[in-house]
């Protein structure tokens, strides 16, 4: 069952809605980074929100989400784009705690509540758009909700969730974003608030087999939702040996000569996917020439 997201309108265009299943995508991140359960939930919630935010972009536009809450997990970094491609990592992937009072993975404790959530959008202009808000919860769903309301002036509700198996693999992951358009009727707002108050956690609904379409129907009412588009979602890293080679060239010929003299080789690792790239002495000599 491949991951995908849906874009929709509801209540005759008064609500813009997104829902996503990211179970396999978060599972791929878990395997690449060997995350422990609380870290998996933290990274998975962040990736689920970011991939839906990426789906709000167009063409080659992309965005980066950085969460620094002062907690033991350290910084969380996620990239996504308009094509449903997402990648991410946490600074300390082997972060885990006992379940919280609600019997859930203690994401708030991992993230911390003293810091910021930052979104940087690359929309093809010379200057990037940057929005930053303080962490208000640490649970992340509420923090992304606060970001939309404060930084983008869009009343919204964000729900994200991850369930982890006893063997650390991902059982279910996904989320939703509901955005109120200007002039939304009070009756519609009240109905949505009532539905959100009664609905089970989004991760439980995905575990129960609900598709993204069915998730939105559960949130908004079956007859109120109009699906506009479906988009495949996957963990996708843009790193390559050539990209890292370009970065080595940018260090300059003197620095590359120092690598040759000291180690006779070089090694680089991508933070996002943990892939290693190795460069022989001969390859470094070529890069040194390119740097001159």
C-alpha atoms as a PDB file:
ATOM      1  CA  UNK A   1       0.000   0.000   0.000  1.00  0.00           C
ATOM      2  CA  UNK A   2       1.969   2.992  -1.259  1.00  0.00           C
ATOM      3  CA  UNK A   3       1.940   6.344   0.509  1.00  0.00           C
ATOM      4  CA  UNK A   4       0.129   9.282  -1.044  1.00  0.00           C
ATOM      5  CA  UNK A   5      -1.602  12.530  -0.184  1.00  0.00           C
ATOM      6  CA  UNK A   6      -4.819  14.118  -1.357  1.00  0.00           C
ATOM      7  CA  UNK A   7      -5.749  17.748  -1.866  1.00  0.00           C
ATOM      8  CA  UNK A   8      -9.395  18.647  -1.436  1.00  0.00           C
ATOM      9  CA  UNK A   9     -11.943  21.375  -0.914  1.00  0.00           C
ATOM     10  CA  UNK A  10     -14.862  21.120   1.480  1.00  0.00           C
ATOM     11  CA  UNK A  11     -18.077  22.977   2.255  1.00  0.00           C
ATOM     12  CA  UNK A  12     -18.243  24.540  -1.224  1.00  0.00           C
ATOM     13  CA  UNK A  13     -14.684  25.824  -1.150  1.00  0.00           C
ATOM     14  CA  UNK A  14     -14.754  27.276   2.348  1.00  0.00           C
ATOM     15  CA  UNK A  15     -12.168  24.730   3.566  1.00  0.00           C
ATOM     16  CA  UNK A  16      -8.918  23.699   1.879  1.00  0.00           C
ATOM     17  CA  UNK A  17      -7.873  20.273   3.071  1.00  0.00           C
ATOM     18  CA  UNK A  18      -4.918  17.916   2.816  1.00  0.00           C
ATOM     19  CA  UNK A  19      -4.474  14.387   4.141  1.00  0.00           C
ATOM     20  CA  UNK A  20      -1.564  12.002   3.824  1.00  0.00           C
ATOM     21  CA  UNK A  21      -0.521   8.453   4.627  1.00  0.00           C
ATOM     22  CA  UNK A  22       3.243   8.330   5.295  1.00  0.00           C
ATOM     23  CA  UNK A  23       3.666   4.883   6.883  1.00  0.00           C
ATOM     24  CA  UNK A  24       6.208   3.615   4.326  1.00  0.00           C
ATOM     25  CA  UNK A  25       7.928   7.006   4.025  1.00  0.00           C
ATOM     26  CA  UNK A  26       8.485   7.324   7.769  1.00  0.00           C
ATOM     27  CA  UNK A  27       9.441   3.645   7.827  1.00  0.00           C
ATOM     28  CA  UNK A  28      12.185   4.371   5.306  1.00  0.00           C
ATOM     29  CA  UNK A  29      13.470   7.231   7.475  1.00  0.00           C
ATOM     30  CA  UNK A  30      13.386   4.965  10.533  1.00  0.00           C
ATOM     31  CA  UNK A  31      15.504   2.339   8.771  1.00  0.00           C
ATOM     32  CA  UNK A  32      18.008   4.863   7.416  1.00  0.00           C
ATOM     33  CA  UNK A  33      18.531   6.586  10.759  1.00  0.00           C
ATOM     34  CA  UNK A  34      17.836   3.661  13.147  1.00  0.00           C
ATOM     35  CA  UNK A  35      15.518   5.893  15.159  1.00  0.00           C
ATOM     36  CA  UNK A  36      14.104   4.709  18.469  1.00  0.00           C
ATOM     37  CA  UNK A  37      10.308   5.010  19.003  1.00  0.00           C
ATOM     38  CA  UNK A  38      10.059   8.545  20.433  1.00  0.00           C
ATOM     39  CA  UNK A  39      12.491   9.843  17.802  1.00  0.00           C
ATOM     40  CA  UNK A  40      10.516   7.999  15.088  1.00  0.00           C
ATOM     41  CA  UNK A  41       7.294   9.687  16.210  1.00  0.00           C
ATOM     42  CA  UNK A  42       8.998  13.082  16.294  1.00  0.00           C
ATOM     43  CA  UNK A  43      10.572  12.736  12.851  1.00  0.00           C
ATOM     44  CA  UNK A  44       7.445  11.121  11.390  1.00  0.00           C
ATOM     45  CA  UNK A  45       5.129  13.880  12.599  1.00  0.00           C
ATOM     46  CA  UNK A  46       7.506  16.508  11.202  1.00  0.00           C
ATOM     47  CA  UNK A  47       7.810  14.755   7.829  1.00  0.00           C
ATOM     48  CA  UNK A  48       4.036  14.263   7.546  1.00  0.00           C
ATOM     49  CA  UNK A  49       3.380  17.964   8.142  1.00  0.00           C
ATOM     50  CA  UNK A  50       6.214  19.057   5.845  1.00  0.00           C
ATOM     51  CA  UNK A  51       5.152  16.880   2.907  1.00  0.00           C
ATOM     52  CA  UNK A  52       1.635  18.350   3.050  1.00  0.00           C
ATOM     53  CA  UNK A  53       3.092  21.858   3.204  1.00  0.00           C
ATOM     54  CA  UNK A  54       5.245  20.974   0.194  1.00  0.00           C
ATOM     55  CA  UNK A  55       2.091  19.975  -1.670  1.00  0.00           C
ATOM     56  CA  UNK A  56       0.898  23.574  -1.298  1.00  0.00           C
ATOM     57  CA  UNK A  57       3.800  24.691  -3.507  1.00  0.00           C
ATOM     58  CA  UNK A  58       4.094  24.605  -7.313  1.00  0.00           C
ATOM     59  CA  UNK A  59       6.571  23.309  -9.891  1.00  0.00           C
ATOM     60  CA  UNK A  60      10.158  23.249  -8.638  1.00  0.00           C
ATOM     61  CA  UNK A  61       9.407  25.116  -5.405  1.00  0.00           C
ATOM     62  CA  UNK A  62      10.591  23.520  -2.163  1.00  0.00           C
ATOM     63  CA  UNK A  63      10.739  24.179   1.551  1.00  0.00           C
ATOM     64  CA  UNK A  64      12.740  23.321   4.645  1.00  0.00           C
ATOM     65  CA  UNK A  65      11.304  22.915   8.138  1.00  0.00           C
ATOM     66  CA  UNK A  66      13.653  23.270  11.098  1.00  0.00           C
ATOM     67  CA  UNK A  67      12.477  22.610  14.646  1.00  0.00           C
ATOM     68  CA  UNK A  68      14.710  23.517  17.567  1.00  0.00           C
ATOM     69  CA  UNK A  69      12.839  23.150  20.841  1.00  0.00           C
ATOM     70  CA  UNK A  70      15.765  22.738  23.211  1.00  0.00           C
ATOM     71  CA  UNK A  71      14.917  19.104  23.970  1.00  0.00           C
ATOM     72  CA  UNK A  72      17.218  16.062  23.991  1.00  0.00           C
ATOM     73  CA  UNK A  73      16.417  15.078  20.415  1.00  0.00           C
ATOM     74  CA  UNK A  74      18.199  18.214  19.188  1.00  0.00           C
ATOM     75  CA  UNK A  75      17.378  19.908  15.910  1.00  0.00           C
ATOM     76  CA  UNK A  76      14.885  18.329  13.490  1.00  0.00           C
ATOM     77  CA  UNK A  77      15.349  19.135   9.790  1.00  0.00           C
ATOM     78  CA  UNK A  78      12.962  18.194   6.983  1.00  0.00           C
ATOM     79  CA  UNK A  79      12.989  19.082   3.267  1.00  0.00           C
ATOM     80  CA  UNK A  80       9.961  18.675   0.993  1.00  0.00           C
ATOM     81  CA  UNK A  81       8.741  19.859  -2.405  1.00  0.00           C
ATOM     82  CA  UNK A  82       5.658  20.108  -4.607  1.00  0.00           C
ATOM     83  CA  UNK A  83       6.178  16.564  -5.958  1.00  0.00           C
ATOM     84  CA  UNK A  84       5.527  14.656  -2.745  1.00  0.00           C
ATOM     85  CA  UNK A  85       9.238  14.093  -2.119  1.00  0.00           C
ATOM     86  CA  UNK A  86      10.400  14.426   1.480  1.00  0.00           C
ATOM     87  CA  UNK A  87      13.519  13.694   3.524  1.00  0.00           C
ATOM     88  CA  UNK A  88      14.475  14.420   7.110  1.00  0.00           C
ATOM     89  CA  UNK A  89      16.588  13.634  10.135  1.00  0.00           C
ATOM     90  CA  UNK A  90      16.885  14.361  13.850  1.00  0.00           C
ATOM     91  CA  UNK A  91      20.172  15.192  15.567  1.00  0.00           C
ATOM     92  CA  UNK A  92      19.855  12.409  18.155  1.00  0.00           C
ATOM     93  CA  UNK A  93      17.977   9.477  16.549  1.00  0.00           C
ATOM     94  CA  UNK A  94      18.377   7.172  19.560  1.00  0.00           C
ATOM     95  CA  UNK A  95      16.062   9.272  21.733  1.00  0.00           C
ATOM     96  CA  UNK A  96      13.316   7.448  23.626  1.00  0.00           C
ATOM     97  CA  UNK A  97      11.300   7.871  26.828  1.00  0.00           C
ATOM     98  CA  UNK A  98       8.550   6.076  28.689  1.00  0.00           C
ATOM     99  CA  UNK A  99       5.011   6.797  27.449  1.00  0.00           C
ATOM    100  CA  UNK A 100       3.423  10.035  28.683  1.00  0.00           C
ATOM    101  CA  UNK A 101       0.332  10.364  30.926  1.00  0.00           C
ATOM    102  CA  UNK A 102      -1.922   9.817  27.878  1.00  0.00           C
ATOM    103  CA  UNK A 103      -0.134   6.554  27.086  1.00  0.00           C
ATOM    104  CA  UNK A 104       1.482   8.042  23.971  1.00  0.00           C
ATOM    105  CA  UNK A 105       5.067   8.478  22.829  1.00  0.00           C
ATOM    106  CA  UNK A 106       6.437  11.537  24.653  1.00  0.00           C
ATOM    107  CA  UNK A 107       7.248  13.749  21.661  1.00  0.00           C
ATOM    108  CA  UNK A 108       6.919  16.937  23.714  1.00  0.00           C
ATOM    109  CA  UNK A 109       9.700  15.797  26.061  1.00  0.00           C
ATOM    110  CA  UNK A 110      11.928  14.889  23.120  1.00  0.00           C
ATOM    111  CA  UNK A 111      11.359  18.155  21.224  1.00  0.00           C
ATOM    112  CA  UNK A 112      11.288  20.551  24.150  1.00  0.00           C
ATOM    113  CA  UNK A 113       9.209  23.704  24.445  1.00  0.00           C
ATOM    114  CA  UNK A 114      11.906  26.387  24.495  1.00  0.00           C
ATOM    115  CA  UNK A 115      12.751  27.248  20.904  1.00  0.00           C
ATOM    116  CA  UNK A 116      11.408  27.842  17.428  1.00  0.00           C
ATOM    117  CA  UNK A 117       9.785  26.260  14.391  1.00  0.00           C
ATOM    118  CA  UNK A 118      11.182  27.771  11.193  1.00  0.00           C
ATOM    119  CA  UNK A 119       9.924  27.311   7.627  1.00  0.00           C
ATOM    120  CA  UNK A 120      12.075  28.461   4.701  1.00  0.00           C
ATOM    121  CA  UNK A 121      10.412  28.415   1.258  1.00  0.00           C
ATOM    122  CA  UNK A 122      12.407  28.482  -1.961  1.00  0.00           C
ATOM    123  CA  UNK A 123       9.909  29.664  -4.571  1.00  0.00           C
ATOM    124  CA  UNK A 124      12.438  30.506  -7.243  1.00  0.00           C
ATOM    125  CA  UNK A 125      13.004  34.119  -6.197  1.00  0.00           C
ATOM    126  CA  UNK A 126      16.371  35.540  -5.209  1.00  0.00           C
ATOM    127  CA  UNK A 127      15.294  35.837  -1.572  1.00  0.00           C
ATOM    128  CA  UNK A 128      13.643  32.940   0.233  1.00  0.00           C
ATOM    129  CA  UNK A 129      10.507  33.362   2.328  1.00  0.00           C
ATOM    130  CA  UNK A 130      11.196  32.614   5.991  1.00  0.00           C
ATOM    131  CA  UNK A 131       8.576  32.247   8.695  1.00  0.00           C
ATOM    132  CA  UNK A 132       9.440  31.541  12.329  1.00  0.00           C
ATOM    133  CA  UNK A 133       7.287  30.995  15.396  1.00  0.00           C
ATOM    134  CA  UNK A 134       8.014  29.943  18.975  1.00  0.00           C
ATOM    135  CA  UNK A 135       7.352  26.335  19.964  1.00  0.00           C
ATOM    136  CA  UNK A 136       4.030  26.429  21.826  1.00  0.00           C
ATOM    137  CA  UNK A 137       3.464  22.744  22.560  1.00  0.00           C
ATOM    138  CA  UNK A 138       6.277  20.436  21.476  1.00  0.00           C
ATOM    139  CA  UNK A 139       3.667  17.942  20.279  1.00  0.00           C
ATOM    140  CA  UNK A 140       4.203  19.420  16.775  1.00  0.00           C
ATOM    141  CA  UNK A 141       0.610  19.306  15.488  1.00  0.00           C
ATOM    142  CA  UNK A 142      -0.250  22.325  17.635  1.00  0.00           C
ATOM    143  CA  UNK A 143       3.055  23.955  16.685  1.00  0.00           C
ATOM    144  CA  UNK A 144       2.372  23.692  12.957  1.00  0.00           C
ATOM    145  CA  UNK A 145      -1.164  24.978  13.588  1.00  0.00           C
ATOM    146  CA  UNK A 146       0.326  28.000  15.371  1.00  0.00           C
ATOM    147  CA  UNK A 147       2.747  28.516  12.477  1.00  0.00           C
ATOM    148  CA  UNK A 148      -0.107  28.748   9.934  1.00  0.00           C
ATOM    149  CA  UNK A 149      -2.154  31.107  12.080  1.00  0.00           C
ATOM    150  CA  UNK A 150       0.751  33.368  13.035  1.00  0.00           C
ATOM    151  CA  UNK A 151       3.169  33.313  10.115  1.00  0.00           C
ATOM    152  CA  UNK A 152       0.805  32.774   7.185  1.00  0.00           C
ATOM    153  CA  UNK A 153      -2.328  34.347   8.716  1.00  0.00           C
ATOM    154  CA  UNK A 154      -4.332  31.249   7.792  1.00  0.00           C
ATOM    155  CA  UNK A 155      -6.581  29.724  10.471  1.00  0.00           C
ATOM    156  CA  UNK A 156      -5.809  26.010  10.354  1.00  0.00           C
ATOM    157  CA  UNK A 157      -5.901  22.709  12.186  1.00  0.00           C
ATOM    158  CA  UNK A 158      -2.961  20.315  11.822  1.00  0.00           C
ATOM    159  CA  UNK A 159      -3.064  16.717  13.005  1.00  0.00           C
ATOM    160  CA  UNK A 160      -0.073  14.377  12.676  1.00  0.00           C
ATOM    161  CA  UNK A 161       0.613  11.006  14.234  1.00  0.00           C
ATOM    162  CA  UNK A 162       2.892   7.970  14.238  1.00  0.00           C
ATOM    163  CA  UNK A 163       2.464   4.508  15.760  1.00  0.00           C
ATOM    164  CA  UNK A 164       5.562   2.354  16.282  1.00  0.00           C
ATOM    165  CA  UNK A 165       5.751  -1.462  16.422  1.00  0.00           C
ATOM    166  CA  UNK A 166       7.582  -3.274  19.259  1.00  0.00           C
ATOM    167  CA  UNK A 167      10.462  -4.005  16.833  1.00  0.00           C
ATOM    168  CA  UNK A 168      10.828  -0.215  16.177  1.00  0.00           C
ATOM    169  CA  UNK A 169       9.323  -0.435  12.673  1.00  0.00           C
ATOM    170  CA  UNK A 170       6.514   1.974  11.748  1.00  0.00           C
ATOM    171  CA  UNK A 171       2.953   0.671  12.169  1.00  0.00           C
ATOM    172  CA  UNK A 172       1.080   3.746  10.910  1.00  0.00           C
ATOM    173  CA  UNK A 173       1.871   7.372  10.110  1.00  0.00           C
ATOM    174  CA  UNK A 174       0.138  10.308   8.488  1.00  0.00           C
ATOM    175  CA  UNK A 175      -1.762  13.481   9.072  1.00  0.00           C
ATOM    176  CA  UNK A 176      -4.097  16.207   7.882  1.00  0.00           C
ATOM    177  CA  UNK A 177      -4.176  19.969   7.455  1.00  0.00           C
ATOM    178  CA  UNK A 178      -7.472  21.875   7.328  1.00  0.00           C
ATOM    179  CA  UNK A 179      -7.342  25.546   6.335  1.00  0.00           C
ATOM    180  CA  UNK A 180     -10.195  28.023   6.637  1.00  0.00           C
ATOM    181  CA  UNK A 181     -10.669  30.314   3.668  1.00  0.00           C
ATOM    182  CA  UNK A 182     -11.621  33.961   4.281  1.00  0.00           C
ATOM    183  CA  UNK A 183     -15.295  34.323   5.112  1.00  0.00           C
ATOM    184  CA  UNK A 184     -15.897  30.744   6.264  1.00  0.00           C
ATOM    185  CA  UNK A 185     -19.366  30.452   7.846  1.00  0.00           C
ATOM    186  CA  UNK A 186     -19.467  30.201  11.634  1.00  0.00           C
ATOM    187  CA  UNK A 187     -21.703  27.129  11.331  1.00  0.00           C
ATOM    188  CA  UNK A 188     -19.021  25.358   9.285  1.00  0.00           C
ATOM    189  CA  UNK A 189     -16.337  26.240  11.818  1.00  0.00           C
ATOM    190  CA  UNK A 190     -18.500  24.927  14.670  1.00  0.00           C
ATOM    191  CA  UNK A 191     -19.204  21.661  12.824  1.00  0.00           C
ATOM    192  CA  UNK A 192     -15.512  21.074  12.139  1.00  0.00           C
ATOM    193  CA  UNK A 193     -14.577  21.858  15.751  1.00  0.00           C
ATOM    194  CA  UNK A 194     -17.171  19.354  16.962  1.00  0.00           C
ATOM    195  CA  UNK A 195     -15.879  16.675  14.586  1.00  0.00           C
ATOM    196  CA  UNK A 196     -12.249  17.289  15.588  1.00  0.00           C
ATOM    197  CA  UNK A 197     -13.227  16.965  19.231  1.00  0.00           C
ATOM    198  CA  UNK A 198     -14.682  13.487  18.710  1.00  0.00           C
ATOM    199  CA  UNK A 199     -12.311  11.931  16.193  1.00  0.00           C
ATOM    200  CA  UNK A 200      -9.725   9.312  17.285  1.00  0.00           C
ATOM    201  CA  UNK A 201      -6.012  10.117  16.804  1.00  0.00           C
ATOM    202  CA  UNK A 202      -5.069  10.306  13.117  1.00  0.00           C
ATOM    203  CA  UNK A 203      -2.473   7.527  13.496  1.00  0.00           C
ATOM    204  CA  UNK A 204      -5.185   5.195  14.863  1.00  0.00           C
ATOM    205  CA  UNK A 205      -7.441   5.945  11.877  1.00  0.00           C
ATOM    206  CA  UNK A 206      -4.587   5.125   9.489  1.00  0.00           C
ATOM    207  CA  UNK A 207      -3.829   1.952  11.431  1.00  0.00           C
ATOM    208  CA  UNK A 208      -7.514   1.036  11.006  1.00  0.00           C
ATOM    209  CA  UNK A 209      -7.023   1.244   7.241  1.00  0.00           C
ATOM    210  CA  UNK A 210      -8.570   4.603   6.405  1.00  0.00           C
ATOM    211  CA  UNK A 211      -7.248   6.097   3.173  1.00  0.00           C
ATOM    212  CA  UNK A 212      -6.405   9.813   2.995  1.00  0.00           C
ATOM    213  CA  UNK A 213      -9.746  10.351   1.217  1.00  0.00           C
ATOM    214  CA  UNK A 214     -11.631   8.528   3.973  1.00  0.00           C
ATOM    215  CA  UNK A 215      -9.692  10.438   6.605  1.00  0.00           C
ATOM    216  CA  UNK A 216     -10.960  13.744   5.206  1.00  0.00           C
ATOM    217  CA  UNK A 217     -14.492  12.353   4.964  1.00  0.00           C
ATOM    218  CA  UNK A 218     -14.255  11.370   8.636  1.00  0.00           C
ATOM    219  CA  UNK A 219     -13.030  14.859   9.528  1.00  0.00           C
ATOM    220  CA  UNK A 220     -15.392  16.889   7.364  1.00  0.00           C
ATOM    221  CA  UNK A 221     -18.363  14.687   6.461  1.00  0.00           C
ATOM    222  CA  UNK A 222     -18.563  12.450   3.389  1.00  0.00           C
ATOM    223  CA  UNK A 223     -20.882  14.699   1.399  1.00  0.00           C
ATOM    224  CA  UNK A 224     -18.857  17.832   2.128  1.00  0.00           C
ATOM    225  CA  UNK A 225     -15.524  16.800   0.565  1.00  0.00           C
ATOM    226  CA  UNK A 226     -14.441  17.260  -3.054  1.00  0.00           C
ATOM    227  CA  UNK A 227     -11.127  15.548  -3.880  1.00  0.00           C
ATOM    228  CA  UNK A 228      -9.012  17.637  -6.282  1.00  0.00           C
ATOM    229  CA  UNK A 229      -5.745  15.751  -6.675  1.00  0.00           C
ATOM    230  CA  UNK A 230      -3.748  12.736  -5.505  1.00  0.00           C
ATOM    231  CA  UNK A 231       0.032  12.815  -5.196  1.00  0.00           C
ATOM    232  CA  UNK A 232       2.431   9.913  -4.456  1.00  0.00           C
ATOM    233  CA  UNK A 233       4.652  10.453  -1.424  1.00  0.00           C
ATOM    234  CA  UNK A 234       8.110   8.971  -0.797  1.00  0.00           C
ATOM    235  CA  UNK A 235      11.343   9.459   1.133  1.00  0.00           C
ATOM    236  CA  UNK A 236      13.613  10.913  -1.558  1.00  0.00           C
ATOM    237  CA  UNK A 237      17.126  12.239  -1.069  1.00  0.00           C
ATOM    238  CA  UNK A 238      18.803  14.531  -3.589  1.00  0.00           C
ATOM    239  CA  UNK A 239      22.369  13.792  -2.516  1.00  0.00           C
ATOM    240  CA  UNK A 240      24.917  12.339  -4.954  1.00  0.00           C
ATOM    241  CA  UNK A 241      28.656  11.792  -5.265  1.00  0.00           C
ATOM    242  CA  UNK A 242      28.778  14.621  -7.794  1.00  0.00           C
ATOM    243  CA  UNK A 243      27.089  17.078  -5.412  1.00  0.00           C
ATOM    244  CA  UNK A 244      29.538  16.295  -2.634  1.00  0.00           C
ATOM    245  CA  UNK A 245      32.397  16.578  -5.155  1.00  0.00           C
ATOM    246  CA  UNK A 246      31.225  20.097  -6.001  1.00  0.00           C
ATOM    247  CA  UNK A 247      31.248  20.906  -2.293  1.00  0.00           C
ATOM    248  CA  UNK A 248      34.832  19.622  -2.014  1.00  0.00           C
ATOM    249  CA  UNK A 249      35.873  21.749  -5.012  1.00  0.00           C
ATOM    250  CA  UNK A 250      34.396  24.809  -3.297  1.00  0.00           C
ATOM    251  CA  UNK A 251      36.847  24.284  -0.394  1.00  0.00           C
ATOM    252  CA  UNK A 252      39.686  25.279  -2.677  1.00  0.00           C
ATOM    253  CA  UNK A 253      42.856  23.600  -3.975  1.00  0.00           C
ATOM    254  CA  UNK A 254      44.856  24.183  -0.782  1.00  0.00           C
ATOM    255  CA  UNK A 255      42.280  22.455   1.432  1.00  0.00           C
ATOM    256  CA  UNK A 256      42.012  19.523  -1.001  1.00  0.00           C
ATOM    257  CA  UNK A 257      45.822  19.161  -1.054  1.00  0.00           C
ATOM    258  CA  UNK A 258      45.712  18.979   2.739  1.00  0.00           C
ATOM    259  CA  UNK A 259      43.214  16.068   2.463  1.00  0.00           C
ATOM    260  CA  UNK A 260      45.561  14.303   0.062  1.00  0.00           C
ATOM    261  CA  UNK A 261      48.597  14.843   2.297  1.00  0.00           C
ATOM    262  CA  UNK A 262      46.807  13.895   5.524  1.00  0.00           C
ATOM    263  CA  UNK A 263      44.648  10.915   4.556  1.00  0.00           C
ATOM    264  CA  UNK A 264      45.157  10.296   0.863  1.00  0.00           C
ATOM    265  CA  UNK A 265      41.384  10.018   0.527  1.00  0.00           C
ATOM    266  CA  UNK A 266      38.139  11.672   1.620  1.00  0.00           C
ATOM    267  CA  UNK A 267      34.758  10.540   2.857  1.00  0.00           C
ATOM    268  CA  UNK A 268      31.464  12.414   3.065  1.00  0.00           C
ATOM    269  CA  UNK A 269      28.144  11.387   4.591  1.00  0.00           C
ATOM    270  CA  UNK A 270      24.684  12.766   3.855  1.00  0.00           C
ATOM    271  CA  UNK A 271      22.823  13.769   7.025  1.00  0.00           C
ATOM    272  CA  UNK A 272      19.461  13.114   5.385  1.00  0.00           C
ATOM    273  CA  UNK A 273      19.921   9.520   4.189  1.00  0.00           C
ATOM    274  CA  UNK A 274      23.204   8.434   5.841  1.00  0.00           C
ATOM    275  CA  UNK A 275      24.709   7.498   2.457  1.00  0.00           C
ATOM    276  CA  UNK A 276      28.521   7.521   2.381  1.00  0.00           C
ATOM    277  CA  UNK A 277      30.565   8.829  -0.555  1.00  0.00           C
ATOM    278  CA  UNK A 278      34.256   8.011  -0.793  1.00  0.00           C
ATOM    279  CA  UNK A 279      36.901   9.757  -2.897  1.00  0.00           C
ATOM    280  CA  UNK A 280      40.267   8.181  -3.768  1.00  0.00           C
ATOM    281  CA  UNK A 281      43.540  10.082  -3.939  1.00  0.00           C
ATOM    282  CA  UNK A 282      43.198  10.136  -7.743  1.00  0.00           C
ATOM    283  CA  UNK A 283      39.698  11.593  -7.535  1.00  0.00           C
ATOM    284  CA  UNK A 284      40.890  14.247  -5.085  1.00  0.00           C
ATOM    285  CA  UNK A 285      43.703  15.171  -7.470  1.00  0.00           C
ATOM    286  CA  UNK A 286      41.076  15.735 -10.198  1.00  0.00           C
ATOM    287  CA  UNK A 287      38.953  17.834  -7.850  1.00  0.00           C
ATOM    288  CA  UNK A 288      42.008  19.876  -6.879  1.00  0.00           C
ATOM    289  CA  UNK A 289      42.597  20.679 -10.547  1.00  0.00           C
ATOM    290  CA  UNK A 290      38.963  21.737 -10.891  1.00  0.00           C
ATOM    291  CA  UNK A 291      39.359  23.992  -7.865  1.00  0.00           C
ATOM    292  CA  UNK A 292      42.260  25.963  -9.378  1.00  0.00           C
END
